[in-house]
Amino acid sequence: MLSALNLIMRGIEIPFSFVQRKLGTRRQAWAFLLPNLLLFGTFSLFPILLNFIYALTGGDNIILSDRPFVGTGNFAGFMNCDNFLDVNSCERDFFWRAVWNTTWFVTLQVGIMVGFALLTAVILNRDIQARGFFRGVFFFPVMLSPVVVALVWKWVLQRNGILNAGLEAMGFESFNWLLDRTWAFGWSVFLSVWAHMGFYTLILLAGLQAIPRDVYEAAMMDRASPWRAFRRITLPLLAPTMLVVLVLALIKGVQTFDEVYAFTGGGPGSATTLIIQYIYETGFAGAPRLFGLASAASILLALVLVVLTLLQLWFNRRSVDG
C-alpha cells in the first residue's frame, strides 16, 4: 500500500520538478495560478472590457463591427436633463425614474431592514425560550428563492388573494394592492425586508455575541439602566459590524431585481422599476435592444457600488484607527 502511494507521489513530483527547473522557484507560482487566471480573465475581465466597448458604441446590432462609435454619447444622454429632480425634463426619463425609484427603495429598505435586524438580534441574543427555533424562523426566508418569495406574496396580495379574502371575511372591502402605485412600492419594500432581514440579523447576532459579558456585568454593578448599557456599550462595540451590515445591505439593495420583477414586473406603470430592471429591459427585453445604453447604465451603477465599497473601507479604517 505504501509502495503504491510512493509511486503515485513520485509520478506527481516529476512534472512539478520539471516546471520548477524550467521556470525557477519564484515563477513557478504563476504556472499554478495560470488556469485560474485564464478562467477569471475569460469570464470576468473580458466581459467587463466588452461592456466598456459596447458603452462607447450605438445601434441595436450585437456585432461590434456593425456598431457605430458614439464615444460618450450614451453617457451624455443620461445627463441631458433640465432639472434632475423632474424626470420628465430628462432625455432618458425612464432611466431617471428607475434611478429615483432605486434611491427611495434602497433608503427605505435598508433603513427599515437594518433597524429591525438590530432589534431582532438584540431580542434573540437574550436568554428566551425556544431561542434556537426563533433564530431558524427569522433566517428561513433567506434560504428561499427570490422568485418563490415574490410569487408567494403575490398570491397573498392579488385581487382574489388571501389578504383580501381575510378582509372580506371581517366585513371590509377588498383592495387592488398591486395596482396602486404607492401600495405596490410599499409592498415591494416590505417583501425585500422580509426576505433578507434574517441574513443581517445573523451577522448582528454574531457581533453581539462577540461583546464580552463582563462589560455588561460591570455596567450592572454600576447600576446602569438597560437603555444606557445599550447606548454606551452595545452600540459602540457593535459599530464595526453595523458598518459591514449597512454597506452590504446598500449594495444588495441597489442590485435588487429578481424578486421585485417577479412580484410587480416594474408596475403599475414604472412605479417599481429599479435600475437593474431598466438595464435588463433596455439591453435584452425591449425593442430595439440598445446594448450600448444598457452597458453605459451598468457602468454608472458599478461606479456607485465602487463608491459605496470605498466608503466602507474609509469608515472601517477610521473606526480601527480610533
Protein backbone atom coordinates (compact mmCIF):
# COMPACT_ATOMS: atom_id res chain seq x y z
CA MET A 1 0.00 0.00 0.00
CA LEU A 2 2.77 2.39 0.99
CA SER A 3 4.83 1.50 -2.08
CA ALA A 4 1.88 2.20 -4.37
CA LEU A 5 1.34 5.55 -2.65
CA ASN A 6 5.03 6.37 -3.03
CA LEU A 7 4.85 5.60 -6.75
CA ILE A 8 1.84 7.88 -7.15
CA MET A 9 3.52 10.73 -5.29
CA ARG A 10 6.68 10.19 -7.34
CA GLY A 11 4.66 10.41 -10.53
CA ILE A 12 3.12 13.67 -9.37
CA GLU A 13 6.51 15.04 -8.39
CA ILE A 14 8.07 14.55 -11.84
CA PRO A 15 6.07 17.24 -13.72
CA PHE A 16 6.32 19.67 -10.80
CA SER A 17 10.08 19.22 -10.63
CA PHE A 18 10.31 19.79 -14.39
CA VAL A 19 8.30 23.04 -14.14
CA GLN A 20 10.44 24.22 -11.23
CA ARG A 21 13.67 23.57 -13.13
CA LYS A 22 12.43 25.37 -16.24
CA LEU A 23 10.77 28.38 -14.57
CA GLY A 24 12.55 28.66 -11.26
CA THR A 25 11.01 28.71 -7.80
CA ARG A 26 9.71 32.30 -7.94
CA ARG A 27 8.00 31.99 -11.32
CA GLN A 28 6.60 28.54 -10.57
CA ALA A 29 3.68 30.12 -8.71
CA TRP A 30 2.44 31.71 -11.95
CA ALA A 31 2.22 28.26 -13.53
CA PHE A 32 -0.17 27.18 -10.77
CA LEU A 33 -2.14 30.43 -11.00
CA LEU A 34 -2.42 30.34 -14.79
CA PRO A 35 -5.58 28.13 -15.02
CA ASN A 36 -7.46 30.32 -12.55
CA LEU A 37 -6.21 33.49 -14.22
CA LEU A 38 -7.44 32.21 -17.58
CA LEU A 39 -10.89 31.44 -16.16
CA PHE A 40 -11.03 34.79 -14.37
CA GLY A 41 -9.95 36.68 -17.47
CA THR A 42 -12.38 34.82 -19.74
CA PHE A 43 -15.48 35.09 -17.58
CA SER A 44 -14.80 38.31 -15.62
CA LEU A 45 -12.24 40.66 -17.13
CA PHE A 46 -13.20 40.09 -20.77
CA PRO A 47 -16.95 40.73 -20.21
CA ILE A 48 -16.08 43.93 -18.31
CA LEU A 49 -13.87 45.12 -21.17
CA LEU A 50 -16.57 44.17 -23.67
CA ASN A 51 -19.12 46.11 -21.63
CA PHE A 52 -16.98 49.26 -21.86
CA ILE A 53 -16.66 48.80 -25.63
CA TYR A 54 -20.43 48.43 -26.05
CA ALA A 55 -20.98 51.54 -23.90
CA LEU A 56 -18.98 53.56 -26.44
CA THR A 57 -20.99 52.31 -29.43
CA GLY A 58 -24.59 52.70 -30.56
CA GLY A 59 -27.28 50.94 -32.53
CA ASP A 60 -29.11 47.68 -31.90
CA ASN A 61 -26.71 45.32 -33.69
CA ILE A 62 -24.90 42.93 -31.37
CA ILE A 63 -21.90 42.50 -33.71
CA LEU A 64 -19.23 45.03 -32.75
CA SER A 65 -18.03 45.62 -36.31
CA ASP A 66 -21.55 46.76 -37.25
CA ARG A 67 -21.96 49.15 -34.33
CA PRO A 68 -21.13 52.84 -34.88
CA PHE A 69 -18.78 54.54 -32.45
CA VAL A 70 -20.59 57.23 -30.43
CA GLY A 71 -17.98 57.92 -27.75
CA THR A 72 -19.58 59.25 -24.59
CA GLY A 73 -22.90 59.84 -26.34
CA ASN A 74 -24.71 57.21 -24.28
CA PHE A 75 -23.49 58.77 -21.03
CA ALA A 76 -24.29 62.29 -22.26
CA GLY A 77 -27.87 61.19 -22.98
CA PHE A 78 -28.31 60.22 -19.33
CA MET A 79 -27.02 63.59 -18.16
CA ASN A 80 -29.18 65.63 -20.56
CA CYS A 81 -31.72 66.98 -18.05
CA ASP A 82 -33.07 70.46 -17.44
CA ASN A 83 -33.88 69.51 -13.84
CA PHE A 84 -32.70 66.24 -12.34
CA LEU A 85 -35.49 66.39 -9.79
CA ASP A 86 -38.05 66.42 -12.60
CA VAL A 87 -37.64 63.21 -14.61
CA ASN A 88 -39.96 64.49 -17.32
CA SER A 89 -37.34 67.10 -18.24
CA CYS A 90 -34.71 64.42 -18.95
CA GLU A 91 -33.93 62.94 -22.35
CA ARG A 92 -33.78 59.48 -20.76
CA ASP A 93 -36.71 59.93 -18.41
CA PHE A 94 -37.24 56.19 -17.92
CA PHE A 95 -33.65 55.87 -16.68
CA TRP A 96 -34.10 58.62 -14.11
CA ARG A 97 -37.42 57.15 -12.96
CA ALA A 98 -35.54 53.93 -12.29
CA VAL A 99 -32.78 55.86 -10.51
CA TRP A 100 -35.20 57.69 -8.23
CA ASN A 101 -37.20 54.52 -7.58
CA THR A 102 -33.98 52.73 -6.65
CA THR A 103 -32.89 55.61 -4.40
CA TRP A 104 -36.17 55.61 -2.49
CA PHE A 105 -36.27 51.82 -2.43
CA VAL A 106 -32.76 51.48 -1.02
CA THR A 107 -33.29 54.27 1.53
CA LEU A 108 -36.49 52.74 2.90
CA GLN A 109 -35.45 49.12 2.59
CA VAL A 110 -32.01 49.50 4.19
CA GLY A 111 -33.24 51.78 6.97
CA ILE A 112 -36.16 49.55 7.93
CA MET A 113 -34.26 46.29 7.47
CA VAL A 114 -31.17 47.27 9.46
CA GLY A 115 -33.34 48.71 12.24
CA PHE A 116 -35.49 45.59 12.55
CA ALA A 117 -32.45 43.32 12.15
CA LEU A 118 -30.76 45.07 15.09
CA LEU A 119 -33.91 44.83 17.21
CA THR A 120 -34.36 41.16 16.33
CA ALA A 121 -30.70 40.35 17.02
CA VAL A 122 -30.88 42.01 20.45
CA ILE A 123 -34.00 40.00 21.34
CA LEU A 124 -32.59 36.71 20.04
CA ASN A 125 -29.39 37.31 21.96
CA ARG A 126 -31.31 37.20 25.23
CA ASP A 127 -31.99 34.05 27.21
CA ILE A 128 -35.51 33.36 25.94
CA GLN A 129 -37.43 30.13 25.49
CA ALA A 130 -37.12 28.38 22.09
CA ARG A 131 -34.35 30.76 21.11
CA GLY A 132 -32.90 28.36 18.54
CA PHE A 133 -36.32 27.88 16.95
CA PHE A 134 -36.91 31.61 16.55
CA ARG A 135 -33.43 32.09 15.09
CA GLY A 136 -34.28 29.49 12.47
CA VAL A 137 -37.65 31.11 11.77
CA PHE A 138 -36.10 34.50 11.09
CA PHE A 139 -33.38 33.01 8.88
CA PHE A 140 -35.70 30.72 6.91
CA PRO A 141 -36.79 33.33 4.27
CA VAL A 142 -33.14 33.88 3.34
CA MET A 143 -32.92 30.28 2.08
CA LEU A 144 -35.90 30.70 -0.25
CA SER A 145 -35.53 31.62 -3.89
CA PRO A 146 -36.32 35.32 -4.51
CA VAL A 147 -38.77 34.29 -7.22
CA VAL A 148 -40.53 31.90 -4.82
CA VAL A 149 -40.78 34.69 -2.23
CA ALA A 150 -42.21 37.06 -4.82
CA LEU A 151 -44.78 34.57 -6.09
CA VAL A 152 -45.92 33.67 -2.56
CA TRP A 153 -46.52 37.30 -1.61
CA LYS A 154 -48.10 37.99 -4.99
CA TRP A 155 -50.55 35.19 -4.27
CA VAL A 156 -51.29 36.76 -0.88
CA LEU A 157 -51.81 40.29 -2.24
CA GLN A 158 -53.52 39.76 -5.58
CA ARG A 159 -57.15 40.82 -6.13
CA ASN A 160 -58.55 37.44 -5.08
CA GLY A 161 -55.68 36.64 -2.73
CA ILE A 162 -55.68 35.51 0.87
CA LEU A 163 -55.32 39.04 2.32
CA ASN A 164 -58.40 40.33 0.52
CA ALA A 165 -60.26 37.16 1.48
CA GLY A 166 -59.47 37.88 5.12
CA LEU A 167 -60.58 41.50 4.80
CA GLU A 168 -63.85 40.49 3.18
CA ALA A 169 -64.47 37.92 5.92
CA MET A 170 -64.13 40.71 8.51
CA GLY A 171 -66.54 42.95 6.61
CA PHE A 172 -64.01 45.21 4.88
CA GLU A 173 -63.78 45.88 1.16
CA SER A 174 -61.05 44.23 -0.87
CA PHE A 175 -58.31 46.36 -2.42
CA ASN A 176 -56.11 46.09 -5.51
CA TRP A 177 -52.83 46.26 -3.61
CA LEU A 178 -50.59 45.73 -6.63
CA LEU A 179 -52.44 48.15 -8.92
CA ASP A 180 -51.91 51.19 -6.71
CA ARG A 181 -48.52 52.87 -7.22
CA THR A 182 -47.92 53.71 -3.57
CA TRP A 183 -49.06 50.37 -2.18
CA ALA A 184 -47.16 48.40 -4.83
CA PHE A 185 -43.94 50.23 -3.99
CA GLY A 186 -44.52 49.83 -0.24
CA TRP A 187 -45.22 46.13 -0.53
CA SER A 188 -42.07 45.73 -2.67
CA VAL A 189 -40.03 47.27 0.14
CA PHE A 190 -41.75 45.02 2.68
CA LEU A 191 -41.12 41.95 0.53
CA SER A 192 -37.41 42.71 0.28
CA VAL A 193 -37.10 43.40 4.01
CA TRP A 194 -38.91 40.17 4.88
CA ALA A 195 -36.75 38.12 2.52
CA HIS A 196 -33.32 39.42 3.57
CA MET A 197 -33.60 40.62 7.17
CA GLY A 198 -32.62 37.23 8.59
CA PHE A 199 -29.20 37.34 6.95
CA TYR A 200 -28.29 40.67 8.55
CA THR A 201 -29.86 39.58 11.84
CA LEU A 202 -27.44 36.64 11.88
CA ILE A 203 -24.44 38.92 11.30
CA LEU A 204 -25.53 41.34 14.03
CA LEU A 205 -26.22 38.43 16.38
CA ALA A 206 -22.66 37.22 15.87
CA GLY A 207 -21.41 40.73 16.62
CA LEU A 208 -23.47 40.87 19.81
CA GLN A 209 -22.14 37.52 20.99
CA ALA A 210 -18.58 38.75 20.45
CA ILE A 211 -19.05 41.51 23.04
CA PRO A 212 -17.53 40.39 26.38
CA ARG A 213 -20.13 39.66 29.05
CA ASP A 214 -18.02 41.13 31.83
CA VAL A 215 -18.57 44.60 30.33
CA TYR A 216 -22.29 44.26 30.96
CA GLU A 217 -21.66 42.84 34.43
CA ALA A 218 -19.59 45.91 35.27
CA ALA A 219 -22.40 48.13 33.99
CA MET A 220 -24.91 46.27 36.19
CA MET A 221 -22.66 46.79 39.20
CA ASP A 222 -22.67 50.50 38.44
CA ARG A 223 -26.47 50.31 38.27
CA ALA A 224 -26.63 51.41 34.62
CA SER A 225 -30.08 51.10 33.08
CA PRO A 226 -30.57 48.63 30.18
CA TRP A 227 -31.05 51.53 27.75
CA ARG A 228 -27.87 53.23 28.95
CA ALA A 229 -25.92 49.98 28.65
CA PHE A 230 -27.27 49.52 25.14
CA ARG A 231 -26.40 53.09 24.14
CA ARG A 232 -22.98 53.28 25.78
CA ILE A 233 -21.76 49.69 25.42
CA THR A 234 -23.66 47.72 22.79
CA LEU A 235 -23.86 50.31 20.02
CA PRO A 236 -20.19 51.47 20.19
CA LEU A 237 -18.83 47.91 20.30
CA LEU A 238 -21.23 46.80 17.57
CA ALA A 239 -20.37 49.74 15.30
CA PRO A 240 -17.87 47.86 13.04
CA THR A 241 -20.40 45.06 12.48
CA MET A 242 -23.15 47.62 11.86
CA LEU A 243 -20.96 49.27 9.25
CA VAL A 244 -20.45 45.99 7.40
CA VAL A 245 -24.18 45.23 7.56
CA LEU A 246 -25.07 48.71 6.32
CA VAL A 247 -22.75 48.59 3.31
CA LEU A 248 -23.72 45.02 2.39
CA ALA A 249 -27.39 45.99 2.61
CA LEU A 250 -26.82 49.10 0.46
CA ILE A 251 -25.01 47.13 -2.24
CA LYS A 252 -27.63 44.37 -2.17
CA GLY A 253 -30.44 46.94 -2.27
CA VAL A 254 -29.01 48.70 -5.32
CA GLN A 255 -28.72 45.34 -7.09
CA THR A 256 -32.32 44.30 -6.36
CA PHE A 257 -34.06 42.89 -9.42
CA ASP A 258 -35.47 39.37 -9.46
CA GLU A 259 -37.85 39.49 -6.52
CA VAL A 260 -39.39 42.87 -7.43
CA TYR A 261 -39.55 41.98 -11.12
CA ALA A 262 -41.36 38.71 -10.35
CA PHE A 263 -43.59 40.50 -7.83
CA THR A 264 -44.80 43.52 -9.83
CA GLY A 265 -42.99 43.41 -13.17
CA GLY A 266 -41.95 47.01 -12.51
CA GLY A 267 -45.53 48.25 -12.41
CA PRO A 268 -48.03 49.64 -12.14
CA GLY A 269 -46.58 51.81 -14.87
CA SER A 270 -42.99 52.39 -13.80
CA ALA A 271 -43.72 52.71 -10.06
CA THR A 272 -41.47 49.81 -9.04
CA THR A 273 -38.99 49.80 -11.92
CA LEU A 274 -35.49 49.68 -10.44
CA ILE A 275 -32.17 50.36 -12.15
CA ILE A 276 -31.29 46.70 -12.77
CA GLN A 277 -34.66 46.15 -14.43
CA TYR A 278 -34.02 49.21 -16.61
CA ILE A 279 -30.70 47.73 -17.72
CA TYR A 280 -32.33 44.37 -18.43
CA GLU A 281 -35.25 45.78 -20.40
CA THR A 282 -33.09 48.25 -22.34
CA GLY A 283 -30.49 45.71 -23.36
CA PHE A 284 -32.44 42.47 -23.66
CA ALA A 285 -36.23 42.69 -23.28
CA GLY A 286 -37.03 45.89 -25.14
CA ALA A 287 -37.27 46.63 -28.83
CA PRO A 288 -34.91 47.81 -30.18
CA ARG A 289 -32.27 46.30 -27.94
CA LEU A 290 -30.00 49.20 -27.03
CA PHE A 291 -26.93 47.33 -25.79
CA GLY A 292 -24.80 50.47 -25.62
CA LEU A 293 -27.29 52.31 -23.45
CA ALA A 294 -27.67 49.33 -21.12
CA SER A 295 -23.88 48.98 -20.87
CA ALA A 296 -23.49 52.68 -20.03
CA ALA A 297 -26.14 52.39 -17.31
CA SER A 298 -24.41 49.32 -15.86
CA ILE A 299 -21.09 51.20 -15.73
CA LEU A 300 -22.71 54.08 -13.86
CA LEU A 301 -24.21 51.55 -11.45
CA ALA A 302 -20.80 49.91 -10.99
CA LEU A 303 -19.30 53.30 -10.11
CA VAL A 304 -21.94 53.77 -7.43
CA LEU A 305 -21.12 50.35 -5.98
CA VAL A 306 -17.39 51.16 -6.03
CA VAL A 307 -18.06 54.40 -4.15
CA LEU A 308 -20.10 52.53 -1.53
CA THR A 309 -17.29 49.99 -1.10
CA LEU A 310 -14.65 52.71 -0.75
CA LEU A 311 -16.80 54.46 1.84
CA GLN A 312 -16.99 51.21 3.80
CA LEU A 313 -13.19 50.86 3.74
CA TRP A 314 -12.73 54.50 4.75
CA PHE A 315 -15.19 54.34 7.66
CA ASN A 316 -13.76 50.99 8.75
CA ARG A 317 -10.22 52.40 8.76
CA ARG A 318 -11.37 55.39 10.78
CA SER A 319 -13.07 53.16 13.33
CA VAL A 320 -9.96 50.95 13.64
CA ASP A 321 -7.59 53.91 13.97
CA GLY A 322 -9.92 55.48 16.55
